[in-house]
């Protein structure tokens, strides 16, 4: 079922994510968009709900028509990831998919959308099923809808 990441290790992962973001940006997604065994990755540019500071988070995604779907799993931790709260507070965000950057509006999937999309995210990355088993919260899905720039 996998190992739960202790809260004290998240700062280490934050440093790794920053390196991922730097490589992704510097190479236009040539390095960082795809890794074996995981869905493709995008960069989510959002604003801290408490700090107002710009943040960038690398996240796996699946496509649903024109939309991008990201998973607020935080590895099955008991609390939602910070980026999830940030997107709900300020839903107009930017993403980079490969070399393409675009403005999107993020929103939490409705229960019906979640029921339809959850099997697709688990198919893309089976680890999400284990994350859901480890936590009492329902892991949210966020739908990113492209907006005109």
C-alpha atoms as a PDB file:
ATOM      1  CA  UNK A   1       0.000   0.000   0.000  1.00  0.00           C
ATOM      2  CA  UNK A   2       3.017   2.348   0.189  1.00  0.00           C
ATOM      3  CA  UNK A   3       4.559   4.409   2.923  1.00  0.00           C
ATOM      4  CA  UNK A   4       2.927   7.529   4.364  1.00  0.00           C
ATOM      5  CA  UNK A   5       5.278  10.492   4.276  1.00  0.00           C
ATOM      6  CA  UNK A   6       5.679  11.934   7.787  1.00  0.00           C
ATOM      7  CA  UNK A   7       4.788  15.629   8.067  1.00  0.00           C
ATOM      8  CA  UNK A   8       8.378  16.457   9.113  1.00  0.00           C
ATOM      9  CA  UNK A   9       9.684  15.279   5.702  1.00  0.00           C
ATOM     10  CA  UNK A  10       7.530  17.641   3.615  1.00  0.00           C
ATOM     11  CA  UNK A  11      10.211  20.392   3.743  1.00  0.00           C
ATOM     12  CA  UNK A  12      12.616  17.954   2.036  1.00  0.00           C
ATOM     13  CA  UNK A  13      10.013  17.288  -0.656  1.00  0.00           C
ATOM     14  CA  UNK A  14       9.510  21.040  -1.043  1.00  0.00           C
ATOM     15  CA  UNK A  15      13.206  21.379  -1.937  1.00  0.00           C
ATOM     16  CA  UNK A  16      12.935  18.539  -4.444  1.00  0.00           C
ATOM     17  CA  UNK A  17       9.844  20.148  -5.975  1.00  0.00           C
ATOM     18  CA  UNK A  18      11.739  23.447  -6.370  1.00  0.00           C
ATOM     19  CA  UNK A  19      14.472  21.629  -8.297  1.00  0.00           C
ATOM     20  CA  UNK A  20      11.818  19.952 -10.433  1.00  0.00           C
ATOM     21  CA  UNK A  21      10.268  23.342 -11.213  1.00  0.00           C
ATOM     22  CA  UNK A  22      13.650  24.841 -12.176  1.00  0.00           C
ATOM     23  CA  UNK A  23      14.452  21.991 -14.579  1.00  0.00           C
ATOM     24  CA  UNK A  24      10.926  21.990 -16.046  1.00  0.00           C
ATOM     25  CA  UNK A  25      11.006  25.745 -16.692  1.00  0.00           C
ATOM     26  CA  UNK A  26      14.593  25.792 -18.005  1.00  0.00           C
ATOM     27  CA  UNK A  27      13.934  22.993 -20.499  1.00  0.00           C
ATOM     28  CA  UNK A  28      10.389  23.928 -21.526  1.00  0.00           C
ATOM     29  CA  UNK A  29       9.135  20.702 -19.990  1.00  0.00           C
ATOM     30  CA  UNK A  30      11.586  18.462 -21.864  1.00  0.00           C
ATOM     31  CA  UNK A  31      12.875  17.450 -18.430  1.00  0.00           C
ATOM     32  CA  UNK A  32      10.183  17.131 -15.796  1.00  0.00           C
ATOM     33  CA  UNK A  33       6.979  16.596 -17.747  1.00  0.00           C
ATOM     34  CA  UNK A  34       7.272  12.816 -17.969  1.00  0.00           C
ATOM     35  CA  UNK A  35       8.680  10.202 -15.610  1.00  0.00           C
ATOM     36  CA  UNK A  36       8.304   6.422 -15.922  1.00  0.00           C
ATOM     37  CA  UNK A  37       5.351   5.048 -13.989  1.00  0.00           C
ATOM     38  CA  UNK A  38       3.557   8.335 -13.319  1.00  0.00           C
ATOM     39  CA  UNK A  39       1.176  10.486 -15.324  1.00  0.00           C
ATOM     40  CA  UNK A  40       2.563  13.552 -17.085  1.00  0.00           C
ATOM     41  CA  UNK A  41       3.341  16.563 -14.913  1.00  0.00           C
ATOM     42  CA  UNK A  42       2.341  20.206 -15.177  1.00  0.00           C
ATOM     43  CA  UNK A  43       3.420  23.252 -13.222  1.00  0.00           C
ATOM     44  CA  UNK A  44       0.687  25.057 -11.298  1.00  0.00           C
ATOM     45  CA  UNK A  45       1.344  28.756 -10.607  1.00  0.00           C
ATOM     46  CA  UNK A  46      -0.874  29.927  -7.744  1.00  0.00           C
ATOM     47  CA  UNK A  47      -0.918  32.525  -4.968  1.00  0.00           C
ATOM     48  CA  UNK A  48      -0.623  31.671  -1.284  1.00  0.00           C
ATOM     49  CA  UNK A  49      -4.005  32.241   0.355  1.00  0.00           C
ATOM     50  CA  UNK A  50      -2.401  33.392   3.617  1.00  0.00           C
ATOM     51  CA  UNK A  51       0.820  34.991   2.343  1.00  0.00           C
ATOM     52  CA  UNK A  52      -0.186  36.383  -1.046  1.00  0.00           C
ATOM     53  CA  UNK A  53       3.164  35.097  -2.357  1.00  0.00           C
ATOM     54  CA  UNK A  54       3.435  33.402  -5.759  1.00  0.00           C
ATOM     55  CA  UNK A  55       3.910  29.627  -5.598  1.00  0.00           C
ATOM     56  CA  UNK A  56       4.633  26.960  -8.199  1.00  0.00           C
ATOM     57  CA  UNK A  57       3.783  23.311  -7.629  1.00  0.00           C
ATOM     58  CA  UNK A  58       4.577  20.389  -9.970  1.00  0.00           C
ATOM     59  CA  UNK A  59       1.577  18.063 -10.188  1.00  0.00           C
ATOM     60  CA  UNK A  60       0.541  14.974 -12.118  1.00  0.00           C
ATOM     61  CA  UNK A  61      -2.507  15.459 -14.308  1.00  0.00           C
ATOM     62  CA  UNK A  62      -4.911  13.711 -16.606  1.00  0.00           C
ATOM     63  CA  UNK A  63      -6.914  15.263 -19.406  1.00  0.00           C
ATOM     64  CA  UNK A  64     -10.704  15.423 -19.479  1.00  0.00           C
ATOM     65  CA  UNK A  65     -11.562  16.935 -22.835  1.00  0.00           C
ATOM     66  CA  UNK A  66     -10.051  20.435 -22.882  1.00  0.00           C
ATOM     67  CA  UNK A  67      -9.635  20.411 -19.089  1.00  0.00           C
ATOM     68  CA  UNK A  68      -6.766  19.275 -16.897  1.00  0.00           C
ATOM     69  CA  UNK A  69      -7.519  17.296 -13.736  1.00  0.00           C
ATOM     70  CA  UNK A  70      -5.150  17.357 -10.759  1.00  0.00           C
ATOM     71  CA  UNK A  71      -5.361  15.368  -7.530  1.00  0.00           C
ATOM     72  CA  UNK A  72      -5.100  16.944  -4.051  1.00  0.00           C
ATOM     73  CA  UNK A  73      -3.693  13.763  -2.517  1.00  0.00           C
ATOM     74  CA  UNK A  74      -0.649  14.939  -0.522  1.00  0.00           C
ATOM     75  CA  UNK A  75       0.319  11.270  -0.447  1.00  0.00           C
ATOM     76  CA  UNK A  76      -2.713  10.352   1.644  1.00  0.00           C
ATOM     77  CA  UNK A  77      -1.892  12.819   4.429  1.00  0.00           C
ATOM     78  CA  UNK A  78      -4.761  13.767   6.751  1.00  0.00           C
ATOM     79  CA  UNK A  79      -4.871  17.384   5.470  1.00  0.00           C
ATOM     80  CA  UNK A  80      -5.306  18.758   1.972  1.00  0.00           C
ATOM     81  CA  UNK A  81      -2.194  20.198   0.316  1.00  0.00           C
ATOM     82  CA  UNK A  82      -1.706  23.965   0.596  1.00  0.00           C
ATOM     83  CA  UNK A  83      -2.017  24.427  -3.172  1.00  0.00           C
ATOM     84  CA  UNK A  84      -5.603  23.097  -2.995  1.00  0.00           C
ATOM     85  CA  UNK A  85      -6.633  25.823  -0.523  1.00  0.00           C
ATOM     86  CA  UNK A  86      -4.800  28.421  -2.605  1.00  0.00           C
ATOM     87  CA  UNK A  87      -6.665  27.462  -5.795  1.00  0.00           C
ATOM     88  CA  UNK A  88     -10.028  27.546  -4.023  1.00  0.00           C
ATOM     89  CA  UNK A  89      -9.201  31.008  -2.614  1.00  0.00           C
ATOM     90  CA  UNK A  90      -7.901  32.391  -5.955  1.00  0.00           C
ATOM     91  CA  UNK A  91      -9.128  30.121  -8.752  1.00  0.00           C
ATOM     92  CA  UNK A  92      -7.617  32.020 -11.692  1.00  0.00           C
ATOM     93  CA  UNK A  93      -4.199  30.385 -11.977  1.00  0.00           C
ATOM     94  CA  UNK A  94      -1.621  29.620 -14.651  1.00  0.00           C
ATOM     95  CA  UNK A  95      -0.240  26.264 -15.684  1.00  0.00           C
ATOM     96  CA  UNK A  96       2.655  25.139 -17.821  1.00  0.00           C
ATOM     97  CA  UNK A  97       2.226  21.896 -19.728  1.00  0.00           C
ATOM     98  CA  UNK A  98       5.465  21.112 -21.521  1.00  0.00           C
ATOM     99  CA  UNK A  99       6.450  24.410 -23.137  1.00  0.00           C
ATOM    100  CA  UNK A 100       2.877  25.743 -23.264  1.00  0.00           C
ATOM    101  CA  UNK A 101       1.692  28.192 -20.599  1.00  0.00           C
ATOM    102  CA  UNK A 102      -1.958  29.075 -20.162  1.00  0.00           C
ATOM    103  CA  UNK A 103      -4.464  30.678 -17.830  1.00  0.00           C
ATOM    104  CA  UNK A 104      -6.990  28.310 -16.278  1.00  0.00           C
ATOM    105  CA  UNK A 105      -9.724  28.514 -13.679  1.00  0.00           C
ATOM    106  CA  UNK A 106      -9.543  25.865 -10.981  1.00  0.00           C
ATOM    107  CA  UNK A 107     -12.515  24.407  -9.182  1.00  0.00           C
ATOM    108  CA  UNK A 108     -13.185  21.339  -7.092  1.00  0.00           C
ATOM    109  CA  UNK A 109     -14.885  18.548  -9.004  1.00  0.00           C
ATOM    110  CA  UNK A 110     -18.541  17.991  -8.157  1.00  0.00           C
ATOM    111  CA  UNK A 111     -19.368  14.649  -6.495  1.00  0.00           C
ATOM    112  CA  UNK A 112     -20.624  13.355  -9.869  1.00  0.00           C
ATOM    113  CA  UNK A 113     -17.451  14.476 -11.655  1.00  0.00           C
ATOM    114  CA  UNK A 114     -15.326  12.960  -8.884  1.00  0.00           C
ATOM    115  CA  UNK A 115     -17.132   9.603  -9.252  1.00  0.00           C
ATOM    116  CA  UNK A 116     -16.532   9.676 -13.015  1.00  0.00           C
ATOM    117  CA  UNK A 117     -12.916  10.885 -12.895  1.00  0.00           C
ATOM    118  CA  UNK A 118     -11.525   9.015  -9.862  1.00  0.00           C
ATOM    119  CA  UNK A 119     -11.187   5.673 -11.734  1.00  0.00           C
ATOM    120  CA  UNK A 120      -9.344   7.538 -14.516  1.00  0.00           C
ATOM    121  CA  UNK A 121      -6.807   9.102 -12.146  1.00  0.00           C
ATOM    122  CA  UNK A 122      -6.253   5.719 -10.465  1.00  0.00           C
ATOM    123  CA  UNK A 123      -5.757   4.159 -13.894  1.00  0.00           C
ATOM    124  CA  UNK A 124      -3.156   6.830 -14.665  1.00  0.00           C
ATOM    125  CA  UNK A 125      -1.411   6.302 -11.304  1.00  0.00           C
ATOM    126  CA  UNK A 126      -2.425   3.363  -9.113  1.00  0.00           C
ATOM    127  CA  UNK A 127      -0.797   4.972  -6.057  1.00  0.00           C
ATOM    128  CA  UNK A 128      -3.808   7.264  -5.658  1.00  0.00           C
ATOM    129  CA  UNK A 129      -5.921   4.287  -4.555  1.00  0.00           C
ATOM    130  CA  UNK A 130      -3.477   3.600  -1.713  1.00  0.00           C
ATOM    131  CA  UNK A 131      -3.422   7.274  -0.757  1.00  0.00           C
ATOM    132  CA  UNK A 132      -7.217   7.244  -0.475  1.00  0.00           C
ATOM    133  CA  UNK A 133      -7.096   4.122   1.720  1.00  0.00           C
ATOM    134  CA  UNK A 134      -4.662   5.858   4.098  1.00  0.00           C
ATOM    135  CA  UNK A 135      -6.812   8.897   4.794  1.00  0.00           C
ATOM    136  CA  UNK A 136     -10.289   9.529   6.119  1.00  0.00           C
ATOM    137  CA  UNK A 137     -10.764  12.554   3.879  1.00  0.00           C
ATOM    138  CA  UNK A 138     -12.067  12.182   0.366  1.00  0.00           C
ATOM    139  CA  UNK A 139      -9.156  13.187  -1.827  1.00  0.00           C
ATOM    140  CA  UNK A 140     -10.381  16.096  -3.933  1.00  0.00           C
ATOM    141  CA  UNK A 141      -9.975  16.412  -7.662  1.00  0.00           C
ATOM    142  CA  UNK A 142      -9.449  19.867  -9.106  1.00  0.00           C
ATOM    143  CA  UNK A 143     -10.576  20.652 -12.621  1.00  0.00           C
ATOM    144  CA  UNK A 144      -8.549  23.292 -14.437  1.00  0.00           C
ATOM    145  CA  UNK A 145     -10.596  24.872 -17.218  1.00  0.00           C
ATOM    146  CA  UNK A 146      -8.669  26.834 -19.883  1.00  0.00           C
ATOM    147  CA  UNK A 147      -9.469  30.549 -20.082  1.00  0.00           C
ATOM    148  CA  UNK A 148      -8.687  33.040 -22.809  1.00  0.00           C
ATOM    149  CA  UNK A 149      -5.325  34.728 -22.122  1.00  0.00           C
END
